[in-house]
């Protein structure tokens, strides 16, 4: 119920931003404060799209997020017979798949090998690694309670929770490294929360320092959300089925999880190693000298 209320608040906030952008556009383009549904044309939505990209500097996916509610309102207007045909039927805006940053297993190892005098930086490193091996987002770790960690049907320790963002179930078996991190901070928190989590801004600021100290050079700045992407990519690379990774990450459908199915050089090497022995005999009679 709480999750539904949160989503309702988020939807309201989003529609409020759409309203502001739309009002500003109508005033900018048409020098008025409102426009009738019956005046809407294909040019209107195309010009609004252009306005958001150029005047407001929004990315394709942000533009799409603000245009979709308008398309839905037009559908409602048709249902209520305010208008009789869709003026935007020939307008299309697709999602641009963004390359999600992630760390390789060796880079996580570099993180783990670092030692820190500053205990907050050490905590941020540990929380990031915990996310890499559980798939939990920053907010889900921040709100993780001790009673959500239980011994499950197989005798192993599991995190049994729901994602804050979607309220979808996200059940993850704890690997040894994740359990060690939990044990490390068990006596630190005085309430029912598992970790004393700093602000997201603090985490991201320290993660940049940690990545530099670990000698990890990335084209994009490291942020806490990389850990969740790392979980998806790492476990798919190691051969965990897509369906299992999707369940652990609390995704609604497999299509969302497929974004993480990157073909890394490490994965290619492992796949070839499995079949390399089948070709060893081919070169026995071959001479390499001229």
C-alpha atoms as a PDB file:
ATOM      1  CA  UNK A   1       0.000   0.000   0.000  1.00  0.00           C
ATOM      2  CA  UNK A   2       2.851   2.335   0.906  1.00  0.00           C
ATOM      3  CA  UNK A   3       4.640   1.473  -2.350  1.00  0.00           C
ATOM      4  CA  UNK A   4       1.495   2.374  -4.313  1.00  0.00           C
ATOM      5  CA  UNK A   5       1.251   5.711  -2.502  1.00  0.00           C
ATOM      6  CA  UNK A   6       4.905   6.437  -3.280  1.00  0.00           C
ATOM      7  CA  UNK A   7       4.375   5.628  -6.955  1.00  0.00           C
ATOM      8  CA  UNK A   8       1.272   7.863  -7.003  1.00  0.00           C
ATOM      9  CA  UNK A   9       3.297  10.737  -5.560  1.00  0.00           C
ATOM     10  CA  UNK A  10       6.045  10.140  -8.113  1.00  0.00           C
ATOM     11  CA  UNK A  11       3.492  10.069 -10.951  1.00  0.00           C
ATOM     12  CA  UNK A  12       1.911  13.305  -9.706  1.00  0.00           C
ATOM     13  CA  UNK A  13       5.332  14.988  -9.520  1.00  0.00           C
ATOM     14  CA  UNK A  14       6.139  13.813 -13.045  1.00  0.00           C
ATOM     15  CA  UNK A  15       2.835  15.096 -14.462  1.00  0.00           C
ATOM     16  CA  UNK A  16       3.419  18.411 -12.730  1.00  0.00           C
ATOM     17  CA  UNK A  17       6.751  18.774 -14.561  1.00  0.00           C
ATOM     18  CA  UNK A  18       5.070  17.794 -17.849  1.00  0.00           C
ATOM     19  CA  UNK A  19       2.420  20.462 -17.235  1.00  0.00           C
ATOM     20  CA  UNK A  20       5.080  23.114 -16.588  1.00  0.00           C
ATOM     21  CA  UNK A  21       7.042  22.209 -19.727  1.00  0.00           C
ATOM     22  CA  UNK A  22       3.869  22.136 -21.822  1.00  0.00           C
ATOM     23  CA  UNK A  23       2.594  25.471 -20.461  1.00  0.00           C
ATOM     24  CA  UNK A  24       5.945  27.145 -21.105  1.00  0.00           C
ATOM     25  CA  UNK A  25       6.059  25.706 -24.624  1.00  0.00           C
ATOM     26  CA  UNK A  26       2.536  26.910 -25.508  1.00  0.00           C
ATOM     27  CA  UNK A  27       3.343  30.376 -24.225  1.00  0.00           C
ATOM     28  CA  UNK A  28       6.699  30.401 -26.049  1.00  0.00           C
ATOM     29  CA  UNK A  29       5.356  29.077 -29.359  1.00  0.00           C
ATOM     30  CA  UNK A  30       1.768  30.327 -29.481  1.00  0.00           C
ATOM     31  CA  UNK A  31       1.847  33.320 -27.085  1.00  0.00           C
ATOM     32  CA  UNK A  32      -1.125  32.023 -25.119  1.00  0.00           C
ATOM     33  CA  UNK A  33      -1.785  30.052 -21.958  1.00  0.00           C
ATOM     34  CA  UNK A  34      -3.771  27.083 -23.279  1.00  0.00           C
ATOM     35  CA  UNK A  35      -4.654  25.141 -26.406  1.00  0.00           C
ATOM     36  CA  UNK A  36      -7.763  23.131 -27.234  1.00  0.00           C
ATOM     37  CA  UNK A  37      -7.541  19.380 -27.941  1.00  0.00           C
ATOM     38  CA  UNK A  38      -9.151  20.012 -31.325  1.00  0.00           C
ATOM     39  CA  UNK A  39      -6.255  22.298 -32.288  1.00  0.00           C
ATOM     40  CA  UNK A  40      -3.610  19.632 -31.774  1.00  0.00           C
ATOM     41  CA  UNK A  41      -1.689  18.554 -34.866  1.00  0.00           C
ATOM     42  CA  UNK A  42       1.307  16.378 -35.690  1.00  0.00           C
ATOM     43  CA  UNK A  43       3.408  19.542 -35.951  1.00  0.00           C
ATOM     44  CA  UNK A  44       2.461  20.448 -32.378  1.00  0.00           C
ATOM     45  CA  UNK A  45       4.003  17.327 -30.842  1.00  0.00           C
ATOM     46  CA  UNK A  46       7.031  17.482 -33.152  1.00  0.00           C
ATOM     47  CA  UNK A  47       7.665  21.097 -32.178  1.00  0.00           C
ATOM     48  CA  UNK A  48       7.225  20.252 -28.487  1.00  0.00           C
ATOM     49  CA  UNK A  49       9.759  17.435 -28.940  1.00  0.00           C
ATOM     50  CA  UNK A  50      12.183  19.884 -30.604  1.00  0.00           C
ATOM     51  CA  UNK A  51      11.595  22.467 -27.860  1.00  0.00           C
ATOM     52  CA  UNK A  52      12.476  19.977 -25.106  1.00  0.00           C
ATOM     53  CA  UNK A  53      15.636  18.831 -26.893  1.00  0.00           C
ATOM     54  CA  UNK A  54      16.969  22.221 -28.002  1.00  0.00           C
ATOM     55  CA  UNK A  55      15.559  24.831 -25.612  1.00  0.00           C
ATOM     56  CA  UNK A  56      15.647  22.632 -22.508  1.00  0.00           C
ATOM     57  CA  UNK A  57      18.616  20.454 -23.452  1.00  0.00           C
ATOM     58  CA  UNK A  58      16.891  17.188 -22.544  1.00  0.00           C
ATOM     59  CA  UNK A  59      18.071  13.773 -23.696  1.00  0.00           C
ATOM     60  CA  UNK A  60      15.980  11.528 -25.948  1.00  0.00           C
ATOM     61  CA  UNK A  61      14.761   9.377 -23.056  1.00  0.00           C
ATOM     62  CA  UNK A  62      13.855  12.413 -20.937  1.00  0.00           C
ATOM     63  CA  UNK A  63      11.902  13.875 -23.862  1.00  0.00           C
ATOM     64  CA  UNK A  64      10.104  10.554 -24.238  1.00  0.00           C
ATOM     65  CA  UNK A  65       9.231  10.498 -20.525  1.00  0.00           C
ATOM     66  CA  UNK A  66       7.558  13.927 -20.838  1.00  0.00           C
ATOM     67  CA  UNK A  67       5.822  13.237 -24.154  1.00  0.00           C
ATOM     68  CA  UNK A  68       4.250   9.881 -23.197  1.00  0.00           C
ATOM     69  CA  UNK A  69       1.752  11.454 -20.712  1.00  0.00           C
ATOM     70  CA  UNK A  70       0.568  13.817 -23.464  1.00  0.00           C
ATOM     71  CA  UNK A  71       0.038  10.886 -25.829  1.00  0.00           C
ATOM     72  CA  UNK A  72      -1.980   9.163 -23.084  1.00  0.00           C
ATOM     73  CA  UNK A  73      -4.124  12.278 -22.580  1.00  0.00           C
ATOM     74  CA  UNK A  74      -4.926  12.298 -26.294  1.00  0.00           C
ATOM     75  CA  UNK A  75      -6.010   8.638 -26.050  1.00  0.00           C
ATOM     76  CA  UNK A  76      -8.325   9.570 -23.158  1.00  0.00           C
ATOM     77  CA  UNK A  77      -9.732  12.485 -25.185  1.00  0.00           C
ATOM     78  CA  UNK A  78     -10.551  10.053 -28.015  1.00  0.00           C
ATOM     79  CA  UNK A  79     -12.230   7.636 -25.569  1.00  0.00           C
ATOM     80  CA  UNK A  80     -14.363  10.490 -24.229  1.00  0.00           C
ATOM     81  CA  UNK A  81     -15.116  11.591 -27.824  1.00  0.00           C
ATOM     82  CA  UNK A  82     -13.642  15.044 -27.266  1.00  0.00           C
ATOM     83  CA  UNK A  83     -11.724  14.391 -30.496  1.00  0.00           C
ATOM     84  CA  UNK A  84     -12.325  11.616 -33.029  1.00  0.00           C
ATOM     85  CA  UNK A  85      -8.866  10.809 -34.371  1.00  0.00           C
ATOM     86  CA  UNK A  86      -5.342  10.825 -33.010  1.00  0.00           C
ATOM     87  CA  UNK A  87      -3.400  13.866 -34.301  1.00  0.00           C
ATOM     88  CA  UNK A  88      -0.146  12.250 -33.134  1.00  0.00           C
ATOM     89  CA  UNK A  89      -0.637   8.846 -34.804  1.00  0.00           C
ATOM     90  CA  UNK A  90       2.424   9.337 -37.035  1.00  0.00           C
ATOM     91  CA  UNK A  91       4.658  10.493 -34.192  1.00  0.00           C
ATOM     92  CA  UNK A  92       7.065   7.963 -32.699  1.00  0.00           C
ATOM     93  CA  UNK A  93       9.826   8.255 -30.126  1.00  0.00           C
ATOM     94  CA  UNK A  94      11.809   5.159 -29.166  1.00  0.00           C
ATOM     95  CA  UNK A  95      13.830   4.457 -26.045  1.00  0.00           C
ATOM     96  CA  UNK A  96      17.567   4.851 -26.556  1.00  0.00           C
ATOM     97  CA  UNK A  97      19.395   1.988 -24.873  1.00  0.00           C
ATOM     98  CA  UNK A  98      22.135   3.484 -22.727  1.00  0.00           C
ATOM     99  CA  UNK A  99      25.368   1.655 -22.042  1.00  0.00           C
ATOM    100  CA  UNK A 100      25.189   0.899 -18.338  1.00  0.00           C
ATOM    101  CA  UNK A 101      28.491   1.187 -16.503  1.00  0.00           C
ATOM    102  CA  UNK A 102      29.762  -1.897 -14.678  1.00  0.00           C
ATOM    103  CA  UNK A 103      32.916  -3.325 -13.130  1.00  0.00           C
ATOM    104  CA  UNK A 104      34.654  -6.562 -14.056  1.00  0.00           C
ATOM    105  CA  UNK A 105      35.397  -9.206 -11.422  1.00  0.00           C
ATOM    106  CA  UNK A 106      39.079  -8.191 -11.383  1.00  0.00           C
ATOM    107  CA  UNK A 107      38.113  -4.578 -10.721  1.00  0.00           C
ATOM    108  CA  UNK A 108      35.919  -5.595  -7.782  1.00  0.00           C
ATOM    109  CA  UNK A 109      38.960  -7.475  -6.461  1.00  0.00           C
ATOM    110  CA  UNK A 110      40.971  -4.247  -6.757  1.00  0.00           C
ATOM    111  CA  UNK A 111      38.298  -2.509  -4.667  1.00  0.00           C
ATOM    112  CA  UNK A 112      38.479  -5.214  -2.003  1.00  0.00           C
ATOM    113  CA  UNK A 113      42.275  -5.073  -1.775  1.00  0.00           C
ATOM    114  CA  UNK A 114      42.281  -1.403  -0.767  1.00  0.00           C
ATOM    115  CA  UNK A 115      42.665  -0.328   2.864  1.00  0.00           C
ATOM    116  CA  UNK A 116      41.440   2.997   4.247  1.00  0.00           C
ATOM    117  CA  UNK A 117      42.120   5.147   7.292  1.00  0.00           C
ATOM    118  CA  UNK A 118      38.797   6.911   6.755  1.00  0.00           C
ATOM    119  CA  UNK A 119      36.088   4.549   8.036  1.00  0.00           C
ATOM    120  CA  UNK A 120      33.319   6.255   6.038  1.00  0.00           C
ATOM    121  CA  UNK A 121      35.192   5.634   2.781  1.00  0.00           C
ATOM    122  CA  UNK A 122      35.688   2.015   3.844  1.00  0.00           C
ATOM    123  CA  UNK A 123      31.960   1.738   4.570  1.00  0.00           C
ATOM    124  CA  UNK A 124      31.083   3.143   1.128  1.00  0.00           C
ATOM    125  CA  UNK A 125      33.429   0.618  -0.515  1.00  0.00           C
ATOM    126  CA  UNK A 126      31.834  -2.225   1.445  1.00  0.00           C
ATOM    127  CA  UNK A 127      28.289  -1.117   0.593  1.00  0.00           C
ATOM    128  CA  UNK A 128      29.203  -0.869  -3.087  1.00  0.00           C
ATOM    129  CA  UNK A 129      30.672  -4.389  -3.073  1.00  0.00           C
ATOM    130  CA  UNK A 130      27.607  -5.639  -1.170  1.00  0.00           C
ATOM    131  CA  UNK A 131      25.435  -4.252  -3.965  1.00  0.00           C
ATOM    132  CA  UNK A 132      27.682  -5.926  -6.574  1.00  0.00           C
ATOM    133  CA  UNK A 133      26.894  -9.321  -5.018  1.00  0.00           C
ATOM    134  CA  UNK A 134      23.224  -8.812  -4.114  1.00  0.00           C
ATOM    135  CA  UNK A 135      21.921  -6.531  -6.874  1.00  0.00           C
ATOM    136  CA  UNK A 136      20.264  -4.259  -4.309  1.00  0.00           C
ATOM    137  CA  UNK A 137      20.040  -0.574  -5.224  1.00  0.00           C
ATOM    138  CA  UNK A 138      21.239   2.222  -2.950  1.00  0.00           C
ATOM    139  CA  UNK A 139      17.768   2.879  -1.508  1.00  0.00           C
ATOM    140  CA  UNK A 140      17.091  -0.849  -0.980  1.00  0.00           C
ATOM    141  CA  UNK A 141      20.348  -1.219   0.972  1.00  0.00           C
ATOM    142  CA  UNK A 142      19.608   1.934   2.958  1.00  0.00           C
ATOM    143  CA  UNK A 143      16.214   0.532   3.993  1.00  0.00           C
ATOM    144  CA  UNK A 144      17.327  -3.100   4.400  1.00  0.00           C
ATOM    145  CA  UNK A 145      16.176  -4.428   7.783  1.00  0.00           C
ATOM    146  CA  UNK A 146      17.659  -7.237   9.837  1.00  0.00           C
ATOM    147  CA  UNK A 147      14.413  -9.217   9.770  1.00  0.00           C
ATOM    148  CA  UNK A 148      14.612  -9.330   5.946  1.00  0.00           C
ATOM    149  CA  UNK A 149      17.686 -11.561   6.203  1.00  0.00           C
ATOM    150  CA  UNK A 150      16.498 -15.078   6.943  1.00  0.00           C
ATOM    151  CA  UNK A 151      17.500 -18.718   6.686  1.00  0.00           C
ATOM    152  CA  UNK A 152      15.438 -19.962   3.752  1.00  0.00           C
ATOM    153  CA  UNK A 153      14.217 -23.354   2.451  1.00  0.00           C
ATOM    154  CA  UNK A 154      17.716 -24.542   1.404  1.00  0.00           C
ATOM    155  CA  UNK A 155      19.355 -23.793   4.739  1.00  0.00           C
ATOM    156  CA  UNK A 156      21.196 -20.755   3.341  1.00  0.00           C
ATOM    157  CA  UNK A 157      20.872 -17.114   4.356  1.00  0.00           C
ATOM    158  CA  UNK A 158      18.740 -15.030   1.963  1.00  0.00           C
ATOM    159  CA  UNK A 159      17.608 -11.440   1.593  1.00  0.00           C
ATOM    160  CA  UNK A 160      13.818 -11.566   1.271  1.00  0.00           C
ATOM    161  CA  UNK A 161      12.625  -8.102   0.316  1.00  0.00           C
ATOM    162  CA  UNK A 162      10.738  -5.977  -2.173  1.00  0.00           C
ATOM    163  CA  UNK A 163      12.240  -3.293  -4.360  1.00  0.00           C
ATOM    164  CA  UNK A 164      11.475   0.221  -3.166  1.00  0.00           C
ATOM    165  CA  UNK A 165      11.132   1.461  -6.756  1.00  0.00           C
ATOM    166  CA  UNK A 166       8.621  -1.110  -8.033  1.00  0.00           C
ATOM    167  CA  UNK A 167       7.540  -3.124  -4.952  1.00  0.00           C
ATOM    168  CA  UNK A 168       8.490  -6.281  -6.909  1.00  0.00           C
ATOM    169  CA  UNK A 169       9.881  -9.162  -4.794  1.00  0.00           C
ATOM    170  CA  UNK A 170      13.684  -9.426  -4.846  1.00  0.00           C
ATOM    171  CA  UNK A 171      14.972 -12.578  -3.151  1.00  0.00           C
ATOM    172  CA  UNK A 172      18.736 -13.075  -3.182  1.00  0.00           C
ATOM    173  CA  UNK A 173      20.817 -15.811  -1.609  1.00  0.00           C
ATOM    174  CA  UNK A 174      23.733 -14.319   0.309  1.00  0.00           C
ATOM    175  CA  UNK A 175      27.165 -15.251  -0.997  1.00  0.00           C
ATOM    176  CA  UNK A 176      30.042 -15.409   1.540  1.00  0.00           C
ATOM    177  CA  UNK A 177      31.411 -11.928   0.701  1.00  0.00           C
ATOM    178  CA  UNK A 178      27.980 -10.328   1.224  1.00  0.00           C
ATOM    179  CA  UNK A 179      27.502 -12.171   4.531  1.00  0.00           C
ATOM    180  CA  UNK A 180      30.963 -11.031   5.705  1.00  0.00           C
ATOM    181  CA  UNK A 181      30.011  -7.405   5.032  1.00  0.00           C
ATOM    182  CA  UNK A 182      26.787  -7.830   7.019  1.00  0.00           C
ATOM    183  CA  UNK A 183      28.716  -9.396   9.913  1.00  0.00           C
ATOM    184  CA  UNK A 184      31.272  -6.576   9.824  1.00  0.00           C
ATOM    185  CA  UNK A 185      28.651  -3.910  10.595  1.00  0.00           C
ATOM    186  CA  UNK A 186      26.332  -5.984  12.780  1.00  0.00           C
ATOM    187  CA  UNK A 187      27.296  -4.184  15.992  1.00  0.00           C
ATOM    188  CA  UNK A 188      27.452  -0.708  14.414  1.00  0.00           C
ATOM    189  CA  UNK A 189      23.754  -0.044  13.838  1.00  0.00           C
ATOM    190  CA  UNK A 190      21.635   0.538  16.932  1.00  0.00           C
ATOM    191  CA  UNK A 191      18.267   0.153  15.189  1.00  0.00           C
ATOM    192  CA  UNK A 192      16.712  -2.571  13.021  1.00  0.00           C
ATOM    193  CA  UNK A 193      18.589  -1.468   9.885  1.00  0.00           C
ATOM    194  CA  UNK A 194      21.443  -3.643   8.601  1.00  0.00           C
ATOM    195  CA  UNK A 195      23.808  -0.815   7.607  1.00  0.00           C
ATOM    196  CA  UNK A 196      24.543   2.806   8.633  1.00  0.00           C
ATOM    197  CA  UNK A 197      24.264   4.131   5.067  1.00  0.00           C
ATOM    198  CA  UNK A 198      25.644   7.616   4.192  1.00  0.00           C
ATOM    199  CA  UNK A 199      23.797   9.870   1.727  1.00  0.00           C
ATOM    200  CA  UNK A 200      23.860   8.955  -1.953  1.00  0.00           C
ATOM    201  CA  UNK A 201      25.854  12.124  -2.687  1.00  0.00           C
ATOM    202  CA  UNK A 202      28.494  11.112  -0.128  1.00  0.00           C
ATOM    203  CA  UNK A 203      28.671   7.585  -1.536  1.00  0.00           C
ATOM    204  CA  UNK A 204      29.146   8.785  -5.110  1.00  0.00           C
ATOM    205  CA  UNK A 205      31.775  11.330  -4.085  1.00  0.00           C
ATOM    206  CA  UNK A 206      33.817   8.714  -2.237  1.00  0.00           C
ATOM    207  CA  UNK A 207      33.358   6.113  -4.986  1.00  0.00           C
ATOM    208  CA  UNK A 208      35.148   8.413  -7.420  1.00  0.00           C
ATOM    209  CA  UNK A 209      38.084   8.599  -4.989  1.00  0.00           C
ATOM    210  CA  UNK A 210      38.063   4.834  -4.469  1.00  0.00           C
ATOM    211  CA  UNK A 211      38.075   4.121  -8.211  1.00  0.00           C
ATOM    212  CA  UNK A 212      41.064   6.434  -8.695  1.00  0.00           C
ATOM    213  CA  UNK A 213      42.928   4.788  -5.821  1.00  0.00           C
ATOM    214  CA  UNK A 214      42.156   1.345  -7.258  1.00  0.00           C
ATOM    215  CA  UNK A 215      43.483   2.457 -10.649  1.00  0.00           C
ATOM    216  CA  UNK A 216      40.175   1.860 -12.380  1.00  0.00           C
ATOM    217  CA  UNK A 217      39.799   4.196 -15.331  1.00  0.00           C
ATOM    218  CA  UNK A 218      36.339   4.451 -16.856  1.00  0.00           C
ATOM    219  CA  UNK A 219      34.979   6.760 -19.544  1.00  0.00           C
ATOM    220  CA  UNK A 220      32.081   7.651 -17.222  1.00  0.00           C
ATOM    221  CA  UNK A 221      32.232   8.621 -13.552  1.00  0.00           C
ATOM    222  CA  UNK A 222      31.589   5.728 -11.209  1.00  0.00           C
ATOM    223  CA  UNK A 223      28.372   5.989  -9.191  1.00  0.00           C
ATOM    224  CA  UNK A 224      26.631   3.690  -6.707  1.00  0.00           C
ATOM    225  CA  UNK A 225      24.184   2.454  -9.335  1.00  0.00           C
ATOM    226  CA  UNK A 226      27.099   0.851 -11.179  1.00  0.00           C
ATOM    227  CA  UNK A 227      27.059  -1.843  -8.494  1.00  0.00           C
ATOM    228  CA  UNK A 228      23.584  -3.042  -9.491  1.00  0.00           C
ATOM    229  CA  UNK A 229      24.636  -3.046 -13.150  1.00  0.00           C
ATOM    230  CA  UNK A 230      27.753  -4.971 -12.130  1.00  0.00           C
ATOM    231  CA  UNK A 231      25.616  -7.607 -10.396  1.00  0.00           C
ATOM    232  CA  UNK A 232      23.504  -8.170 -13.512  1.00  0.00           C
ATOM    233  CA  UNK A 233      26.467  -8.270 -15.895  1.00  0.00           C
ATOM    234  CA  UNK A 234      28.728 -10.314 -13.605  1.00  0.00           C
ATOM    235  CA  UNK A 235      26.273 -13.097 -12.862  1.00  0.00           C
ATOM    236  CA  UNK A 236      25.091 -13.408 -16.468  1.00  0.00           C
ATOM    237  CA  UNK A 237      28.749 -13.569 -17.553  1.00  0.00           C
ATOM    238  CA  UNK A 238      29.334 -16.359 -15.020  1.00  0.00           C
ATOM    239  CA  UNK A 239      26.511 -18.368 -16.585  1.00  0.00           C
ATOM    240  CA  UNK A 240      23.619 -17.748 -14.177  1.00  0.00           C
ATOM    241  CA  UNK A 241      20.410 -18.081 -16.267  1.00  0.00           C
ATOM    242  CA  UNK A 242      18.668 -14.885 -17.331  1.00  0.00           C
ATOM    243  CA  UNK A 243      15.484 -15.925 -15.525  1.00  0.00           C
ATOM    244  CA  UNK A 244      17.314 -16.311 -12.186  1.00  0.00           C
ATOM    245  CA  UNK A 245      19.117 -12.966 -12.500  1.00  0.00           C
ATOM    246  CA  UNK A 246      15.830 -11.300 -13.418  1.00  0.00           C
ATOM    247  CA  UNK A 247      14.128 -12.714 -10.308  1.00  0.00           C
ATOM    248  CA  UNK A 248      16.980 -11.663  -8.021  1.00  0.00           C
ATOM    249  CA  UNK A 249      16.995  -8.140  -9.441  1.00  0.00           C
ATOM    250  CA  UNK A 250      13.238  -7.818  -9.004  1.00  0.00           C
ATOM    251  CA  UNK A 251      12.582  -7.076 -12.666  1.00  0.00           C
ATOM    252  CA  UNK A 252       9.037  -7.246 -14.006  1.00  0.00           C
ATOM    253  CA  UNK A 253      10.118  -8.908 -17.244  1.00  0.00           C
ATOM    254  CA  UNK A 254      13.143 -10.514 -18.903  1.00  0.00           C
ATOM    255  CA  UNK A 255      13.481  -7.679 -21.419  1.00  0.00           C
ATOM    256  CA  UNK A 256      14.739  -5.391 -18.641  1.00  0.00           C
ATOM    257  CA  UNK A 257      17.341  -7.959 -17.566  1.00  0.00           C
ATOM    258  CA  UNK A 258      18.565  -8.518 -21.133  1.00  0.00           C
ATOM    259  CA  UNK A 259      20.142  -5.046 -21.040  1.00  0.00           C
ATOM    260  CA  UNK A 260      22.774  -6.551 -18.730  1.00  0.00           C
ATOM    261  CA  UNK A 261      23.571  -9.473 -21.039  1.00  0.00           C
ATOM    262  CA  UNK A 262      26.739  -7.866 -22.360  1.00  0.00           C
ATOM    263  CA  UNK A 263      29.185 -10.033 -24.271  1.00  0.00           C
ATOM    264  CA  UNK A 264      32.402  -9.155 -22.473  1.00  0.00           C
ATOM    265  CA  UNK A 265      35.842 -10.304 -23.602  1.00  0.00           C
ATOM    266  CA  UNK A 266      36.004 -12.330 -20.392  1.00  0.00           C
ATOM    267  CA  UNK A 267      32.822 -14.200 -21.355  1.00  0.00           C
ATOM    268  CA  UNK A 268      34.120 -14.889 -24.877  1.00  0.00           C
ATOM    269  CA  UNK A 269      37.380 -16.251 -23.431  1.00  0.00           C
ATOM    270  CA  UNK A 270      35.512 -18.549 -21.025  1.00  0.00           C
ATOM    271  CA  UNK A 271      33.211 -19.835 -23.751  1.00  0.00           C
ATOM    272  CA  UNK A 272      36.136 -20.618 -26.067  1.00  0.00           C
ATOM    273  CA  UNK A 273      38.044 -22.304 -23.220  1.00  0.00           C
ATOM    274  CA  UNK A 274      35.194 -24.812 -22.932  1.00  0.00           C
ATOM    275  CA  UNK A 275      35.675 -25.987 -26.528  1.00  0.00           C
ATOM    276  CA  UNK A 276      39.383 -25.296 -27.134  1.00  0.00           C
ATOM    277  CA  UNK A 277      40.423 -28.867 -26.211  1.00  0.00           C
ATOM    278  CA  UNK A 278      38.309 -30.196 -29.079  1.00  0.00           C
ATOM    279  CA  UNK A 279      40.643 -28.538 -31.578  1.00  0.00           C
ATOM    280  CA  UNK A 280      44.043 -29.327 -30.022  1.00  0.00           C
ATOM    281  CA  UNK A 281      44.662 -32.340 -32.280  1.00  0.00           C
ATOM    282  CA  UNK A 282      44.115 -30.350 -35.472  1.00  0.00           C
ATOM    283  CA  UNK A 283      47.538 -28.716 -35.458  1.00  0.00           C
ATOM    284  CA  UNK A 284      49.725 -31.678 -34.511  1.00  0.00           C
ATOM    285  CA  UNK A 285      50.945 -32.365 -38.036  1.00  0.00           C
ATOM    286  CA  UNK A 286      51.345 -28.708 -38.907  1.00  0.00           C
ATOM    287  CA  UNK A 287      54.827 -27.199 -39.154  1.00  0.00           C
ATOM    288  CA  UNK A 288      55.171 -23.525 -38.340  1.00  0.00           C
ATOM    289  CA  UNK A 289      58.571 -23.058 -40.013  1.00  0.00           C
ATOM    290  CA  UNK A 290      58.950 -21.938 -43.626  1.00  0.00           C
END
